[in-house]
Amino acid sequence: MPLTHFFAEFYGLFLIIFSVSMFVHKEMYMELIHDLEHKRSAMYVMSIIGLILGIFTVLLHNFWYASLLDVIVTLVGWVILVKSTLYLSLPTKMIHKIVRAMALPRNYHLYTIISLIIGLYLALNGAWAY
């Protein structure tokens, strides 16, 4: 499916670039995460962008059966949609608890590596279609 490969390349390249940037600028991202957690307006703007992207992906690509790549692209869309919806609807205290539960400072490199691996998988498999 051409749409699958488009979304795979799109999200894959985004995750690769974002992960490399996270490795290089850890302090900046930790400050950004702190700001997002404590400034509701910044979280709101990011959630609206995520909501639009999640709805767009889910409406155009909701395939749970064809291939592993289809399922991963669909999952990425749903994760973005659900996460954005939760951040828009949950009270601020609940968002603080979620962010703290992720233990980001301690698991920062783990999250970055996982994002990079998913990004590489998506980008490579999306590009192989051409």
C-alpha atoms as a PDB file:
ATOM      1  CA  MET A   1       0.000   0.000   0.000  1.00  0.00           C
ATOM      2  CA  PRO A   2       1.549   3.307  -1.051  1.00  0.00           C
ATOM      3  CA  LEU A   3      -0.056   5.150   1.879  1.00  0.00           C
ATOM      4  CA  THR A   4       1.596   2.762   4.322  1.00  0.00           C
ATOM      5  CA  HIS A   5       4.990   3.489   2.847  1.00  0.00           C
ATOM      6  CA  PHE A   6       4.372   7.237   2.890  1.00  0.00           C
ATOM      7  CA  PHE A   7       3.432   7.209   6.593  1.00  0.00           C
ATOM      8  CA  ALA A   8       6.292   4.813   7.384  1.00  0.00           C
ATOM      9  CA  GLU A   9       8.823   7.122   5.763  1.00  0.00           C
ATOM     10  CA  PHE A  10       7.235  10.239   7.270  1.00  0.00           C
ATOM     11  CA  TYR A  11       7.190   8.945  10.849  1.00  0.00           C
ATOM     12  CA  GLY A  12      10.468   7.093  10.380  1.00  0.00           C
ATOM     13  CA  LEU A  13      12.387  10.156   9.223  1.00  0.00           C
ATOM     14  CA  PHE A  14      10.781  12.254  11.946  1.00  0.00           C
ATOM     15  CA  LEU A  15      11.798   9.759  14.644  1.00  0.00           C
ATOM     16  CA  ILE A  16      15.350   9.407  13.315  1.00  0.00           C
ATOM     17  CA  ILE A  17      15.916  13.172  13.192  1.00  0.00           C
ATOM     18  CA  PHE A  18      14.221  13.682  16.556  1.00  0.00           C
ATOM     19  CA  SER A  19      16.206  10.877  18.239  1.00  0.00           C
ATOM     20  CA  VAL A  20      19.557  12.111  16.957  1.00  0.00           C
ATOM     21  CA  SER A  21      18.653  15.603  18.129  1.00  0.00           C
ATOM     22  CA  MET A  22      17.717  14.178  21.541  1.00  0.00           C
ATOM     23  CA  PHE A  23      21.128  12.491  21.835  1.00  0.00           C
ATOM     24  CA  VAL A  24      22.925  15.734  20.968  1.00  0.00           C
ATOM     25  CA  HIS A  25      20.807  18.161  23.013  1.00  0.00           C
ATOM     26  CA  LYS A  26      19.747  16.257  26.131  1.00  0.00           C
ATOM     27  CA  GLU A  27      19.691  19.297  28.434  1.00  0.00           C
ATOM     28  CA  MET A  28      17.504  21.260  26.020  1.00  0.00           C
ATOM     29  CA  TYR A  29      14.982  18.415  25.737  1.00  0.00           C
ATOM     30  CA  MET A  30      14.876  17.901  29.490  1.00  0.00           C
ATOM     31  CA  GLU A  31      14.098  21.611  29.872  1.00  0.00           C
ATOM     32  CA  LEU A  32      11.462  21.386  27.121  1.00  0.00           C
ATOM     33  CA  ILE A  33       9.791  18.429  28.840  1.00  0.00           C
ATOM     34  CA  HIS A  34       9.805  20.348  32.128  1.00  0.00           C
ATOM     35  CA  ASP A  35       8.208  23.344  30.387  1.00  0.00           C
ATOM     36  CA  LEU A  36       5.568  21.166  28.740  1.00  0.00           C
ATOM     37  CA  GLU A  37       4.741  19.593  32.081  1.00  0.00           C
ATOM     38  CA  HIS A  38       4.460  22.900  33.946  1.00  0.00           C
ATOM     39  CA  LYS A  39       3.084  25.231  31.280  1.00  0.00           C
ATOM     40  CA  ARG A  40      -0.374  24.020  30.340  1.00  0.00           C
ATOM     41  CA  SER A  41      -0.546  26.297  27.280  1.00  0.00           C
ATOM     42  CA  ALA A  42       2.554  24.681  25.744  1.00  0.00           C
ATOM     43  CA  MET A  43       1.117  21.216  26.391  1.00  0.00           C
ATOM     44  CA  TYR A  44      -2.174  22.329  24.865  1.00  0.00           C
ATOM     45  CA  VAL A  45      -0.528  23.508  21.625  1.00  0.00           C
ATOM     46  CA  MET A  46       1.519  20.304  21.309  1.00  0.00           C
ATOM     47  CA  SER A  47      -1.584  18.213  21.993  1.00  0.00           C
ATOM     48  CA  ILE A  48      -3.626  20.007  19.332  1.00  0.00           C
ATOM     49  CA  ILE A  49      -0.868  19.354  16.772  1.00  0.00           C
ATOM     50  CA  GLY A  50      -0.733  15.711  17.857  1.00  0.00           C
ATOM     51  CA  LEU A  51      -4.508  15.419  17.729  1.00  0.00           C
ATOM     52  CA  ILE A  52      -4.605  16.682  14.136  1.00  0.00           C
ATOM     53  CA  LEU A  53      -1.779  14.359  13.104  1.00  0.00           C
ATOM     54  CA  GLY A  54      -3.332  11.394  14.938  1.00  0.00           C
ATOM     55  CA  ILE A  55      -6.791  11.891  13.435  1.00  0.00           C
ATOM     56  CA  PHE A  56      -5.274  12.355   9.978  1.00  0.00           C
ATOM     57  CA  THR A  57      -3.276   9.125  10.285  1.00  0.00           C
ATOM     58  CA  VAL A  58      -6.090   7.044  11.775  1.00  0.00           C
ATOM     59  CA  LEU A  59      -8.636   8.181   9.179  1.00  0.00           C
ATOM     60  CA  LEU A  60      -6.316   7.498   6.254  1.00  0.00           C
ATOM     61  CA  HIS A  61      -4.487   4.455   7.588  1.00  0.00           C
ATOM     62  CA  ASN A  62      -6.350   2.106   9.926  1.00  0.00           C
ATOM     63  CA  PHE A  63      -5.029  -1.287   8.786  1.00  0.00           C
ATOM     64  CA  TRP A  64      -4.616  -4.018  11.399  1.00  0.00           C
ATOM     65  CA  TYR A  65      -4.169  -7.054   9.194  1.00  0.00           C
ATOM     66  CA  ALA A  66      -1.995  -6.679   6.068  1.00  0.00           C
ATOM     67  CA  SER A  67       1.617  -6.641   7.284  1.00  0.00           C
ATOM     68  CA  LEU A  68       3.744  -5.773  10.281  1.00  0.00           C
ATOM     69  CA  LEU A  69       4.533  -2.409   8.709  1.00  0.00           C
ATOM     70  CA  ASP A  70       0.799  -1.665   8.295  1.00  0.00           C
ATOM     71  CA  VAL A  71       0.140  -2.523  11.930  1.00  0.00           C
ATOM     72  CA  ILE A  72       3.056  -0.427  13.229  1.00  0.00           C
ATOM     73  CA  VAL A  73       2.008   2.618  11.170  1.00  0.00           C
ATOM     74  CA  THR A  74      -1.579   2.210  12.405  1.00  0.00           C
ATOM     75  CA  LEU A  75      -0.352   1.841  15.999  1.00  0.00           C
ATOM     76  CA  VAL A  76       1.747   5.005  15.714  1.00  0.00           C
ATOM     77  CA  GLY A  77      -1.332   6.920  14.541  1.00  0.00           C
ATOM     78  CA  TRP A  78      -3.480   5.568  17.368  1.00  0.00           C
ATOM     79  CA  VAL A  79      -0.812   6.231  20.018  1.00  0.00           C
ATOM     80  CA  ILE A  80      -0.501   9.844  18.858  1.00  0.00           C
ATOM     81  CA  LEU A  81      -4.293  10.250  18.845  1.00  0.00           C
ATOM     82  CA  VAL A  82      -4.876   8.697  22.274  1.00  0.00           C
ATOM     83  CA  LYS A  83      -1.930  10.449  23.909  1.00  0.00           C
ATOM     84  CA  SER A  84      -3.003  13.833  22.535  1.00  0.00           C
ATOM     85  CA  THR A  85      -6.602  13.255  23.604  1.00  0.00           C
ATOM     86  CA  LEU A  86      -5.504  12.337  27.126  1.00  0.00           C
ATOM     87  CA  TYR A  87      -3.248  15.377  27.437  1.00  0.00           C
ATOM     88  CA  LEU A  88      -6.113  17.614  26.310  1.00  0.00           C
ATOM     89  CA  SER A  89      -8.664  16.056  28.663  1.00  0.00           C
ATOM     90  CA  LEU A  90      -6.824  15.073  31.832  1.00  0.00           C
ATOM     91  CA  PRO A  91      -6.358  17.428  34.758  1.00  0.00           C
ATOM     92  CA  THR A  92      -2.905  18.945  35.176  1.00  0.00           C
ATOM     93  CA  LYS A  93      -2.159  16.896  38.307  1.00  0.00           C
ATOM     94  CA  MET A  94      -2.792  13.666  36.408  1.00  0.00           C
ATOM     95  CA  ILE A  95      -0.437  14.754  33.615  1.00  0.00           C
ATOM     96  CA  HIS A  96       2.259  15.464  36.232  1.00  0.00           C
ATOM     97  CA  LYS A  97       1.803  11.942  37.612  1.00  0.00           C
ATOM     98  CA  ILE A  98       2.087  10.389  34.148  1.00  0.00           C
ATOM     99  CA  VAL A  99       5.247  12.343  33.333  1.00  0.00           C
ATOM    100  CA  ARG A 100       6.798  11.432  36.692  1.00  0.00           C
ATOM    101  CA  ALA A 101       5.850   7.763  36.252  1.00  0.00           C
ATOM    102  CA  MET A 102       7.777   7.681  32.980  1.00  0.00           C
ATOM    103  CA  ALA A 103      10.920   8.538  34.995  1.00  0.00           C
ATOM    104  CA  LEU A 104      12.266  10.424  32.022  1.00  0.00           C
ATOM    105  CA  PRO A 105      15.577  11.625  33.437  1.00  0.00           C
ATOM    106  CA  ARG A 106      16.519   8.075  34.392  1.00  0.00           C
ATOM    107  CA  ASN A 107      15.183   6.455  31.191  1.00  0.00           C
ATOM    108  CA  TYR A 108      16.005   9.257  28.746  1.00  0.00           C
ATOM    109  CA  HIS A 109      18.535   7.280  26.691  1.00  0.00           C
ATOM    110  CA  LEU A 110      16.320   4.201  26.646  1.00  0.00           C
ATOM    111  CA  TYR A 111      13.395   6.186  25.205  1.00  0.00           C
ATOM    112  CA  THR A 112      15.722   7.824  22.696  1.00  0.00           C
ATOM    113  CA  ILE A 113      17.145   4.481  21.526  1.00  0.00           C
ATOM    114  CA  ILE A 114      13.673   2.943  21.209  1.00  0.00           C
ATOM    115  CA  SER A 115      12.533   5.944  19.137  1.00  0.00           C
ATOM    116  CA  LEU A 116      15.602   5.625  16.917  1.00  0.00           C
ATOM    117  CA  ILE A 117      15.053   1.887  16.350  1.00  0.00           C
ATOM    118  CA  ILE A 118      11.378   2.392  15.473  1.00  0.00           C
ATOM    119  CA  GLY A 119      12.323   5.286  13.200  1.00  0.00           C
ATOM    120  CA  LEU A 120      14.960   3.226  11.383  1.00  0.00           C
ATOM    121  CA  TYR A 121      12.545   0.328  10.937  1.00  0.00           C
ATOM    122  CA  LEU A 122       9.808   2.574   9.557  1.00  0.00           C
ATOM    123  CA  ALA A 123      12.059   4.624   7.286  1.00  0.00           C
ATOM    124  CA  LEU A 124      13.872   1.634   5.821  1.00  0.00           C
ATOM    125  CA  ASN A 125      10.744  -0.416   5.259  1.00  0.00           C
ATOM    126  CA  GLY A 126       8.889   2.568   3.860  1.00  0.00           C
ATOM    127  CA  ALA A 127      11.713   3.326   1.412  1.00  0.00           C
ATOM    128  CA  TRP A 128      12.016  -0.292   0.215  1.00  0.00           C
ATOM    129  CA  ALA A 129       8.692   0.071  -1.586  1.00  0.00           C
ATOM    130  CA  TYR A 130      10.277   2.272  -4.213  1.00  0.00           C
END
